[in-house]
């Protein structure tokens, strides 16, 4: 070993110490992650032809049918007002329940939900993004269907629209929870069949298209206890001058609370 004035020289084949690995980029702030997922969920809902038909086309057909046919009307109310109330209830159920159930069911089968749990978004961020995306799609539905209603003669008052907002939000929670519950309990193939079948039954016979008072007495009590019946009655009260029922508020609130608790208890994030 050679030496120098300052001591032994370093071996010629020695290498400098390895640099410490650089930490990866920090995840985006939580709000930004949730908003990015919201935009993704909304794009998926609005770009899918089948979902777009359920969200816009079917409610529009309900509006035309109830506007032209002498059915589903309240005494003393304008036909377009009752038709628009039923249309908006149909739109809410189609997106909050049917579309969310189908999309979440396929996400679970494809392993997306399991993967989400390992990302910075997390399960809470995933659900928050879904809720915000649903509200965003609802805003588009109200705008499109509202413009269509204006063409057909709908002339809403500002107070009517403001009164409908809390009903709309409560209905979104109730049917969104039911949609997630169906998606979290059933196999994907069953989710597709059940969500579409329930949607048709609720709209046609669950108090959405037809007021509860038009049903036979033996069925009226059952319709009043359904979330669809409560939603339909409340929207008709806000938009068509119907009777505002505290009972309908309590029914819809109960479905929202119990549905949310059921999702927390029984929702499965994997398809096994």
C-alpha atoms as a PDB file:
ATOM      1  CA  UNK A   1       0.000   0.000   0.000  1.00  0.00           C
ATOM      2  CA  UNK A   2       1.358   3.354  -0.980  1.00  0.00           C
ATOM      3  CA  UNK A   3       1.507   6.173   1.463  1.00  0.00           C
ATOM      4  CA  UNK A   4       1.330   9.911   1.249  1.00  0.00           C
ATOM      5  CA  UNK A   5       2.328  12.682   3.533  1.00  0.00           C
ATOM      6  CA  UNK A   6      -1.164  12.685   4.955  1.00  0.00           C
ATOM      7  CA  UNK A   7      -1.326   8.909   5.569  1.00  0.00           C
ATOM      8  CA  UNK A   8      -2.154   5.769   3.634  1.00  0.00           C
ATOM      9  CA  UNK A   9      -3.660   6.315   0.183  1.00  0.00           C
ATOM     10  CA  UNK A  10      -7.121   4.933  -0.589  1.00  0.00           C
ATOM     11  CA  UNK A  11      -7.185   1.706  -2.592  1.00  0.00           C
ATOM     12  CA  UNK A  12      -7.482   2.461  -6.317  1.00  0.00           C
ATOM     13  CA  UNK A  13     -10.627   0.298  -6.743  1.00  0.00           C
ATOM     14  CA  UNK A  14     -12.616   1.868  -3.898  1.00  0.00           C
ATOM     15  CA  UNK A  15     -15.959   3.511  -4.902  1.00  0.00           C
ATOM     16  CA  UNK A  16     -17.758   6.451  -3.291  1.00  0.00           C
ATOM     17  CA  UNK A  17     -20.637   5.533  -0.995  1.00  0.00           C
ATOM     18  CA  UNK A  18     -23.950   4.972  -2.752  1.00  0.00           C
ATOM     19  CA  UNK A  19     -26.319   7.932  -2.689  1.00  0.00           C
ATOM     20  CA  UNK A  20     -29.456   7.485  -0.636  1.00  0.00           C
ATOM     21  CA  UNK A  21     -32.549   6.843  -2.782  1.00  0.00           C
ATOM     22  CA  UNK A  22     -34.685   9.904  -3.355  1.00  0.00           C
ATOM     23  CA  UNK A  23     -38.162   9.779  -1.877  1.00  0.00           C
ATOM     24  CA  UNK A  24     -41.008   9.548  -4.379  1.00  0.00           C
ATOM     25  CA  UNK A  25     -43.264  12.513  -5.083  1.00  0.00           C
ATOM     26  CA  UNK A  26     -45.725  13.308  -2.333  1.00  0.00           C
ATOM     27  CA  UNK A  27     -49.388  12.562  -3.097  1.00  0.00           C
ATOM     28  CA  UNK A  28     -51.606  15.456  -4.109  1.00  0.00           C
ATOM     29  CA  UNK A  29     -53.663  17.144  -1.391  1.00  0.00           C
ATOM     30  CA  UNK A  30     -56.739  15.188  -0.367  1.00  0.00           C
ATOM     31  CA  UNK A  31     -59.207  17.668  -1.865  1.00  0.00           C
ATOM     32  CA  UNK A  32     -57.429  17.580  -5.224  1.00  0.00           C
ATOM     33  CA  UNK A  33     -57.490  13.770  -5.228  1.00  0.00           C
ATOM     34  CA  UNK A  34     -61.222  13.706  -4.494  1.00  0.00           C
ATOM     35  CA  UNK A  35     -61.994  16.327  -7.152  1.00  0.00           C
ATOM     36  CA  UNK A  36     -59.936  14.448  -9.742  1.00  0.00           C
ATOM     37  CA  UNK A  37     -61.862  11.277  -8.967  1.00  0.00           C
ATOM     38  CA  UNK A  38     -65.120  13.241  -9.120  1.00  0.00           C
ATOM     39  CA  UNK A  39     -64.277  14.421 -12.641  1.00  0.00           C
ATOM     40  CA  UNK A  40     -63.414  10.853 -13.678  1.00  0.00           C
ATOM     41  CA  UNK A  41     -66.648   9.414 -12.284  1.00  0.00           C
ATOM     42  CA  UNK A  42     -68.727  12.140 -13.933  1.00  0.00           C
ATOM     43  CA  UNK A  43     -67.036  11.561 -17.306  1.00  0.00           C
ATOM     44  CA  UNK A  44     -67.730   7.833 -17.059  1.00  0.00           C
ATOM     45  CA  UNK A  45     -71.408   8.429 -16.266  1.00  0.00           C
ATOM     46  CA  UNK A  46     -71.901  11.010 -19.021  1.00  0.00           C
ATOM     47  CA  UNK A  47     -69.844   9.322 -21.740  1.00  0.00           C
ATOM     48  CA  UNK A  48     -71.438   5.875 -21.480  1.00  0.00           C
ATOM     49  CA  UNK A  49     -74.280   5.563 -23.969  1.00  0.00           C
ATOM     50  CA  UNK A  50     -76.335   3.179 -21.848  1.00  0.00           C
ATOM     51  CA  UNK A  51     -75.966   5.310 -18.730  1.00  0.00           C
ATOM     52  CA  UNK A  52     -76.762   8.472 -20.693  1.00  0.00           C
ATOM     53  CA  UNK A  53     -79.961   6.888 -21.941  1.00  0.00           C
ATOM     54  CA  UNK A  54     -81.004   6.033 -18.390  1.00  0.00           C
ATOM     55  CA  UNK A  55     -80.008   9.464 -17.070  1.00  0.00           C
ATOM     56  CA  UNK A  56     -81.517  11.696 -19.785  1.00  0.00           C
ATOM     57  CA  UNK A  57     -83.491   9.848 -22.456  1.00  0.00           C
ATOM     58  CA  UNK A  58     -85.786   7.778 -20.225  1.00  0.00           C
ATOM     59  CA  UNK A  59     -86.699  10.718 -17.936  1.00  0.00           C
ATOM     60  CA  UNK A  60     -87.384  12.809 -21.052  1.00  0.00           C
ATOM     61  CA  UNK A  61     -89.755  10.104 -22.316  1.00  0.00           C
ATOM     62  CA  UNK A  62     -91.498  10.134 -18.936  1.00  0.00           C
ATOM     63  CA  UNK A  63     -91.890  13.904 -19.237  1.00  0.00           C
ATOM     64  CA  UNK A  64     -93.425  13.675 -22.715  1.00  0.00           C
ATOM     65  CA  UNK A  65     -95.755  10.824 -21.771  1.00  0.00           C
ATOM     66  CA  UNK A  66     -97.067  12.416 -18.582  1.00  0.00           C
ATOM     67  CA  UNK A  67     -97.412  15.782 -20.296  1.00  0.00           C
ATOM     68  CA  UNK A  68     -99.518  14.423 -23.159  1.00  0.00           C
ATOM     69  CA  UNK A  69    -101.496  11.657 -21.453  1.00  0.00           C
ATOM     70  CA  UNK A  70    -104.152  12.363 -18.800  1.00  0.00           C
ATOM     71  CA  UNK A  71    -102.467  10.261 -16.127  1.00  0.00           C
ATOM     72  CA  UNK A  72    -100.415  10.916 -12.999  1.00  0.00           C
ATOM     73  CA  UNK A  73    -101.889  14.380 -12.422  1.00  0.00           C
ATOM     74  CA  UNK A  74    -102.929  16.208  -9.274  1.00  0.00           C
ATOM     75  CA  UNK A  75    -106.300  17.910  -9.190  1.00  0.00           C
ATOM     76  CA  UNK A  76    -105.885  21.635  -9.825  1.00  0.00           C
ATOM     77  CA  UNK A  77    -102.236  21.355 -10.883  1.00  0.00           C
ATOM     78  CA  UNK A  78    -100.869  22.084 -14.315  1.00  0.00           C
ATOM     79  CA  UNK A  79    -100.092  18.848 -16.204  1.00  0.00           C
ATOM     80  CA  UNK A  80     -96.562  20.028 -17.001  1.00  0.00           C
ATOM     81  CA  UNK A  81     -95.873  20.631 -13.287  1.00  0.00           C
ATOM     82  CA  UNK A  82     -96.803  17.114 -12.205  1.00  0.00           C
ATOM     83  CA  UNK A  83     -95.018  15.691 -15.240  1.00  0.00           C
ATOM     84  CA  UNK A  84     -91.830  17.604 -14.428  1.00  0.00           C
ATOM     85  CA  UNK A  85     -91.910  16.499 -10.776  1.00  0.00           C
ATOM     86  CA  UNK A  86     -92.186  12.845 -11.826  1.00  0.00           C
ATOM     87  CA  UNK A  87     -89.467  13.358 -14.436  1.00  0.00           C
ATOM     88  CA  UNK A  88     -86.977  14.779 -11.948  1.00  0.00           C
ATOM     89  CA  UNK A  89     -87.714  11.950  -9.506  1.00  0.00           C
ATOM     90  CA  UNK A  90     -87.075   9.468 -12.318  1.00  0.00           C
ATOM     91  CA  UNK A  91     -83.802  11.182 -13.193  1.00  0.00           C
ATOM     92  CA  UNK A  92     -82.652  11.128  -9.573  1.00  0.00           C
ATOM     93  CA  UNK A  93     -83.360   7.414  -9.151  1.00  0.00           C
ATOM     94  CA  UNK A  94     -81.747   6.549 -12.487  1.00  0.00           C
ATOM     95  CA  UNK A  95     -78.435   8.151 -11.548  1.00  0.00           C
ATOM     96  CA  UNK A  96     -78.249   7.771  -7.771  1.00  0.00           C
ATOM     97  CA  UNK A  97     -79.510   4.188  -7.716  1.00  0.00           C
ATOM     98  CA  UNK A  98     -79.304   2.414 -11.068  1.00  0.00           C
ATOM     99  CA  UNK A  99     -76.177   3.960 -12.593  1.00  0.00           C
ATOM    100  CA  UNK A 100     -74.212   3.946  -9.347  1.00  0.00           C
ATOM    101  CA  UNK A 101     -75.152   0.338  -8.598  1.00  0.00           C
ATOM    102  CA  UNK A 102     -74.073  -0.873 -12.042  1.00  0.00           C
ATOM    103  CA  UNK A 103     -70.841   1.122 -12.195  1.00  0.00           C
ATOM    104  CA  UNK A 104     -69.803   0.232  -8.646  1.00  0.00           C
ATOM    105  CA  UNK A 105     -70.669  -3.422  -9.209  1.00  0.00           C
ATOM    106  CA  UNK A 106     -68.384  -3.618 -12.241  1.00  0.00           C
ATOM    107  CA  UNK A 107     -65.651  -1.732 -10.357  1.00  0.00           C
ATOM    108  CA  UNK A 108     -65.818  -4.348  -7.625  1.00  0.00           C
ATOM    109  CA  UNK A 109     -65.716  -7.282 -10.039  1.00  0.00           C
ATOM    110  CA  UNK A 110     -62.755  -5.829 -11.933  1.00  0.00           C
ATOM    111  CA  UNK A 111     -60.745  -5.340  -8.741  1.00  0.00           C
ATOM    112  CA  UNK A 112     -60.892  -1.536  -8.864  1.00  0.00           C
ATOM    113  CA  UNK A 113     -62.250  -1.271  -5.322  1.00  0.00           C
ATOM    114  CA  UNK A 114     -59.493  -3.506  -3.949  1.00  0.00           C
ATOM    115  CA  UNK A 115     -56.861  -1.443  -5.776  1.00  0.00           C
ATOM    116  CA  UNK A 116     -58.369   1.858  -4.567  1.00  0.00           C
ATOM    117  CA  UNK A 117     -57.700   0.851  -0.957  1.00  0.00           C
ATOM    118  CA  UNK A 118     -53.942   0.818  -1.662  1.00  0.00           C
ATOM    119  CA  UNK A 119     -53.815   4.273  -3.275  1.00  0.00           C
ATOM    120  CA  UNK A 120     -53.637   7.711  -1.629  1.00  0.00           C
ATOM    121  CA  UNK A 121     -57.263   8.257  -2.675  1.00  0.00           C
ATOM    122  CA  UNK A 122     -58.449   5.549  -0.305  1.00  0.00           C
ATOM    123  CA  UNK A 123     -61.945   4.211   0.149  1.00  0.00           C
ATOM    124  CA  UNK A 124     -63.270   7.388   1.749  1.00  0.00           C
ATOM    125  CA  UNK A 125     -61.999   9.480  -1.154  1.00  0.00           C
ATOM    126  CA  UNK A 126     -63.514   7.014  -3.619  1.00  0.00           C
ATOM    127  CA  UNK A 127     -66.944   7.295  -2.006  1.00  0.00           C
ATOM    128  CA  UNK A 128     -66.675  11.073  -1.678  1.00  0.00           C
ATOM    129  CA  UNK A 129     -65.825  11.341  -5.373  1.00  0.00           C
ATOM    130  CA  UNK A 130     -68.843   9.197  -6.242  1.00  0.00           C
ATOM    131  CA  UNK A 131     -71.182  11.397  -4.208  1.00  0.00           C
ATOM    132  CA  UNK A 132     -69.869  14.606  -5.789  1.00  0.00           C
ATOM    133  CA  UNK A 133     -69.982  13.085  -9.276  1.00  0.00           C
ATOM    134  CA  UNK A 134     -73.586  12.061  -8.707  1.00  0.00           C
ATOM    135  CA  UNK A 135     -74.509  15.602  -7.698  1.00  0.00           C
ATOM    136  CA  UNK A 136     -72.695  16.961 -10.762  1.00  0.00           C
ATOM    137  CA  UNK A 137     -74.593  14.620 -13.069  1.00  0.00           C
ATOM    138  CA  UNK A 138     -77.815  15.611 -11.303  1.00  0.00           C
ATOM    139  CA  UNK A 139     -77.063  19.250 -12.094  1.00  0.00           C
ATOM    140  CA  UNK A 140     -76.692  18.348 -15.779  1.00  0.00           C
ATOM    141  CA  UNK A 141     -79.943  16.371 -15.656  1.00  0.00           C
ATOM    142  CA  UNK A 142     -81.862  19.240 -14.064  1.00  0.00           C
ATOM    143  CA  UNK A 143     -80.483  21.686 -16.619  1.00  0.00           C
ATOM    144  CA  UNK A 144     -81.293  19.538 -19.662  1.00  0.00           C
ATOM    145  CA  UNK A 145     -84.673  18.292 -18.465  1.00  0.00           C
ATOM    146  CA  UNK A 146     -85.567  21.727 -17.107  1.00  0.00           C
ATOM    147  CA  UNK A 147     -84.898  23.321 -20.508  1.00  0.00           C
ATOM    148  CA  UNK A 148     -86.971  20.603 -22.119  1.00  0.00           C
ATOM    149  CA  UNK A 149     -89.752  21.325 -19.637  1.00  0.00           C
ATOM    150  CA  UNK A 150     -89.608  25.039 -20.433  1.00  0.00           C
ATOM    151  CA  UNK A 151     -90.120  24.220 -24.106  1.00  0.00           C
ATOM    152  CA  UNK A 152     -93.215  22.226 -23.121  1.00  0.00           C
ATOM    153  CA  UNK A 153     -94.624  25.096 -21.048  1.00  0.00           C
ATOM    154  CA  UNK A 154     -93.132  24.657 -17.565  1.00  0.00           C
ATOM    155  CA  UNK A 155     -92.895  27.971 -15.693  1.00  0.00           C
ATOM    156  CA  UNK A 156     -91.393  27.332 -12.237  1.00  0.00           C
ATOM    157  CA  UNK A 157     -91.188  29.844  -9.424  1.00  0.00           C
ATOM    158  CA  UNK A 158     -87.980  30.543  -7.549  1.00  0.00           C
ATOM    159  CA  UNK A 159     -89.418  29.440  -4.199  1.00  0.00           C
ATOM    160  CA  UNK A 160     -90.567  26.158  -5.731  1.00  0.00           C
ATOM    161  CA  UNK A 161     -87.078  25.405  -6.992  1.00  0.00           C
ATOM    162  CA  UNK A 162     -85.458  26.321  -3.673  1.00  0.00           C
ATOM    163  CA  UNK A 163     -87.908  24.112  -1.769  1.00  0.00           C
ATOM    164  CA  UNK A 164     -87.021  21.171  -4.006  1.00  0.00           C
ATOM    165  CA  UNK A 165     -83.264  21.393  -3.307  1.00  0.00           C
ATOM    166  CA  UNK A 166     -83.245  19.764   0.192  1.00  0.00           C
ATOM    167  CA  UNK A 167     -85.670  17.103  -1.047  1.00  0.00           C
ATOM    168  CA  UNK A 168     -83.325  16.412  -3.960  1.00  0.00           C
ATOM    169  CA  UNK A 169     -80.289  16.128  -1.685  1.00  0.00           C
ATOM    170  CA  UNK A 170     -82.073  13.807   0.742  1.00  0.00           C
ATOM    171  CA  UNK A 171     -83.274  11.647  -2.129  1.00  0.00           C
ATOM    172  CA  UNK A 172     -79.746  11.492  -3.529  1.00  0.00           C
ATOM    173  CA  UNK A 173     -78.428  10.147  -0.220  1.00  0.00           C
ATOM    174  CA  UNK A 174     -81.256   7.628   0.147  1.00  0.00           C
ATOM    175  CA  UNK A 175     -81.061   6.165  -3.355  1.00  0.00           C
ATOM    176  CA  UNK A 176     -77.279   6.450  -3.525  1.00  0.00           C
ATOM    177  CA  UNK A 177     -77.002   4.344  -0.378  1.00  0.00           C
ATOM    178  CA  UNK A 178     -79.417   1.770  -1.801  1.00  0.00           C
ATOM    179  CA  UNK A 179     -77.436   1.633  -5.035  1.00  0.00           C
ATOM    180  CA  UNK A 180     -74.170   1.032  -3.180  1.00  0.00           C
ATOM    181  CA  UNK A 181     -75.854  -1.598  -1.024  1.00  0.00           C
ATOM    182  CA  UNK A 182     -77.028  -3.532  -4.081  1.00  0.00           C
ATOM    183  CA  UNK A 183     -73.571  -3.203  -5.681  1.00  0.00           C
ATOM    184  CA  UNK A 184     -71.839  -4.334  -2.499  1.00  0.00           C
ATOM    185  CA  UNK A 185     -73.975  -7.376  -1.771  1.00  0.00           C
ATOM    186  CA  UNK A 186     -74.769  -8.982  -5.125  1.00  0.00           C
ATOM    187  CA  UNK A 187     -72.713 -10.443  -7.932  1.00  0.00           C
ATOM    188  CA  UNK A 188     -72.196  -8.094 -10.866  1.00  0.00           C
ATOM    189  CA  UNK A 189     -74.590  -9.966 -13.155  1.00  0.00           C
ATOM    190  CA  UNK A 190     -77.281  -9.820 -10.477  1.00  0.00           C
ATOM    191  CA  UNK A 191     -76.572  -6.124  -9.863  1.00  0.00           C
ATOM    192  CA  UNK A 192     -77.264  -5.353 -13.519  1.00  0.00           C
ATOM    193  CA  UNK A 193     -80.574  -7.211 -13.514  1.00  0.00           C
ATOM    194  CA  UNK A 194     -81.806  -6.136 -10.082  1.00  0.00           C
ATOM    195  CA  UNK A 195     -80.958  -2.442 -10.429  1.00  0.00           C
ATOM    196  CA  UNK A 196     -82.748  -2.121 -13.785  1.00  0.00           C
ATOM    197  CA  UNK A 197     -85.765  -4.111 -12.629  1.00  0.00           C
ATOM    198  CA  UNK A 198     -86.121  -2.126  -9.397  1.00  0.00           C
ATOM    199  CA  UNK A 199     -85.772   1.133 -11.330  1.00  0.00           C
ATOM    200  CA  UNK A 200     -88.647   0.237 -13.663  1.00  0.00           C
ATOM    201  CA  UNK A 201     -90.871  -0.950 -10.802  1.00  0.00           C
ATOM    202  CA  UNK A 202     -90.248   2.143  -8.675  1.00  0.00           C
ATOM    203  CA  UNK A 203     -90.974   4.540 -11.526  1.00  0.00           C
ATOM    204  CA  UNK A 204     -94.011   2.693 -12.868  1.00  0.00           C
ATOM    205  CA  UNK A 205     -95.607   1.487  -9.637  1.00  0.00           C
ATOM    206  CA  UNK A 206     -93.651   2.980  -6.744  1.00  0.00           C
ATOM    207  CA  UNK A 207     -95.230   6.411  -6.486  1.00  0.00           C
ATOM    208  CA  UNK A 208     -93.040   8.273  -8.985  1.00  0.00           C
ATOM    209  CA  UNK A 209     -95.188   8.496 -12.109  1.00  0.00           C
ATOM    210  CA  UNK A 210     -98.500   8.277 -10.249  1.00  0.00           C
ATOM    211  CA  UNK A 211     -99.421   9.991  -6.948  1.00  0.00           C
ATOM    212  CA  UNK A 212    -100.109   7.699  -4.006  1.00  0.00           C
ATOM    213  CA  UNK A 213    -103.718   8.869  -3.867  1.00  0.00           C
ATOM    214  CA  UNK A 214    -104.418   7.202  -7.221  1.00  0.00           C
ATOM    215  CA  UNK A 215    -103.583   3.741  -5.854  1.00  0.00           C
ATOM    216  CA  UNK A 216    -106.129   1.424  -4.196  1.00  0.00           C
ATOM    217  CA  UNK A 217    -106.271   1.866  -0.429  1.00  0.00           C
ATOM    218  CA  UNK A 218    -104.602  -1.478   0.231  1.00  0.00           C
ATOM    219  CA  UNK A 219    -101.563  -0.427  -1.838  1.00  0.00           C
ATOM    220  CA  UNK A 220    -101.463   3.231  -0.844  1.00  0.00           C
ATOM    221  CA  UNK A 221     -99.874   2.541   2.539  1.00  0.00           C
ATOM    222  CA  UNK A 222     -97.146   0.442   0.921  1.00  0.00           C
ATOM    223  CA  UNK A 223     -96.381   3.107  -1.681  1.00  0.00           C
ATOM    224  CA  UNK A 224     -96.196   5.757   1.055  1.00  0.00           C
ATOM    225  CA  UNK A 225     -93.483   3.721   2.799  1.00  0.00           C
ATOM    226  CA  UNK A 226     -91.292   3.358  -0.286  1.00  0.00           C
ATOM    227  CA  UNK A 227     -88.468   5.876  -0.845  1.00  0.00           C
ATOM    228  CA  UNK A 228     -89.774   6.410  -4.370  1.00  0.00           C
ATOM    229  CA  UNK A 229     -93.260   7.199  -3.084  1.00  0.00           C
ATOM    230  CA  UNK A 230     -91.907   9.671  -0.536  1.00  0.00           C
ATOM    231  CA  UNK A 231     -89.658  11.329  -3.130  1.00  0.00           C
ATOM    232  CA  UNK A 232     -92.475  11.598  -5.659  1.00  0.00           C
ATOM    233  CA  UNK A 233     -94.898  13.119  -3.142  1.00  0.00           C
ATOM    234  CA  UNK A 234     -92.349  15.659  -1.910  1.00  0.00           C
ATOM    235  CA  UNK A 235     -91.342  16.789  -5.398  1.00  0.00           C
ATOM    236  CA  UNK A 236     -94.996  17.106  -6.402  1.00  0.00           C
ATOM    237  CA  UNK A 237     -95.547  19.186  -3.269  1.00  0.00           C
ATOM    238  CA  UNK A 238     -92.638  21.473  -4.170  1.00  0.00           C
ATOM    239  CA  UNK A 239     -93.180  21.771  -7.922  1.00  0.00           C
ATOM    240  CA  UNK A 240     -96.869  21.060  -8.510  1.00  0.00           C
ATOM    241  CA  UNK A 241     -98.645  22.494  -5.485  1.00  0.00           C
ATOM    242  CA  UNK A 242     -99.280  19.152  -3.815  1.00  0.00           C
ATOM    243  CA  UNK A 243     -99.714  18.618  -0.083  1.00  0.00           C
ATOM    244  CA  UNK A 244     -96.398  18.699   1.763  1.00  0.00           C
ATOM    245  CA  UNK A 245     -96.264  15.711   4.112  1.00  0.00           C
ATOM    246  CA  UNK A 246     -93.934  15.509   7.091  1.00  0.00           C
ATOM    247  CA  UNK A 247     -94.506  11.766   6.969  1.00  0.00           C
ATOM    248  CA  UNK A 248     -92.923  11.611   3.517  1.00  0.00           C
ATOM    249  CA  UNK A 249     -89.918  13.544   4.836  1.00  0.00           C
ATOM    250  CA  UNK A 250     -89.511  11.075   7.698  1.00  0.00           C
ATOM    251  CA  UNK A 251     -89.845   8.091   5.352  1.00  0.00           C
ATOM    252  CA  UNK A 252     -87.197   9.407   2.967  1.00  0.00           C
ATOM    253  CA  UNK A 253     -84.942  10.348   5.892  1.00  0.00           C
ATOM    254  CA  UNK A 254     -85.323   6.871   7.394  1.00  0.00           C
ATOM    255  CA  UNK A 255     -84.337   5.242   4.090  1.00  0.00           C
ATOM    256  CA  UNK A 256     -81.317   7.548   3.849  1.00  0.00           C
ATOM    257  CA  UNK A 257     -80.124   6.792   7.394  1.00  0.00           C
ATOM    258  CA  UNK A 258     -80.828   3.055   7.348  1.00  0.00           C
ATOM    259  CA  UNK A 259     -79.387   2.691   3.858  1.00  0.00           C
ATOM    260  CA  UNK A 260     -76.171   4.439   4.873  1.00  0.00           C
ATOM    261  CA  UNK A 261     -75.829   2.274   7.975  1.00  0.00           C
ATOM    262  CA  UNK A 262     -76.455  -0.849   5.899  1.00  0.00           C
ATOM    263  CA  UNK A 263     -73.708   0.155   3.437  1.00  0.00           C
ATOM    264  CA  UNK A 264     -71.272   0.692   6.323  1.00  0.00           C
ATOM    265  CA  UNK A 265     -72.163  -2.709   7.753  1.00  0.00           C
ATOM    266  CA  UNK A 266     -72.491  -4.954   4.700  1.00  0.00           C
ATOM    267  CA  UNK A 267     -70.768  -3.378   1.703  1.00  0.00           C
ATOM    268  CA  UNK A 268     -68.078  -5.712   0.340  1.00  0.00           C
ATOM    269  CA  UNK A 269     -65.067  -4.224  -1.435  1.00  0.00           C
ATOM    270  CA  UNK A 270     -64.140  -7.436  -3.209  1.00  0.00           C
ATOM    271  CA  UNK A 271     -66.179  -9.855  -5.314  1.00  0.00           C
ATOM    272  CA  UNK A 272     -65.186 -12.878  -3.242  1.00  0.00           C
END
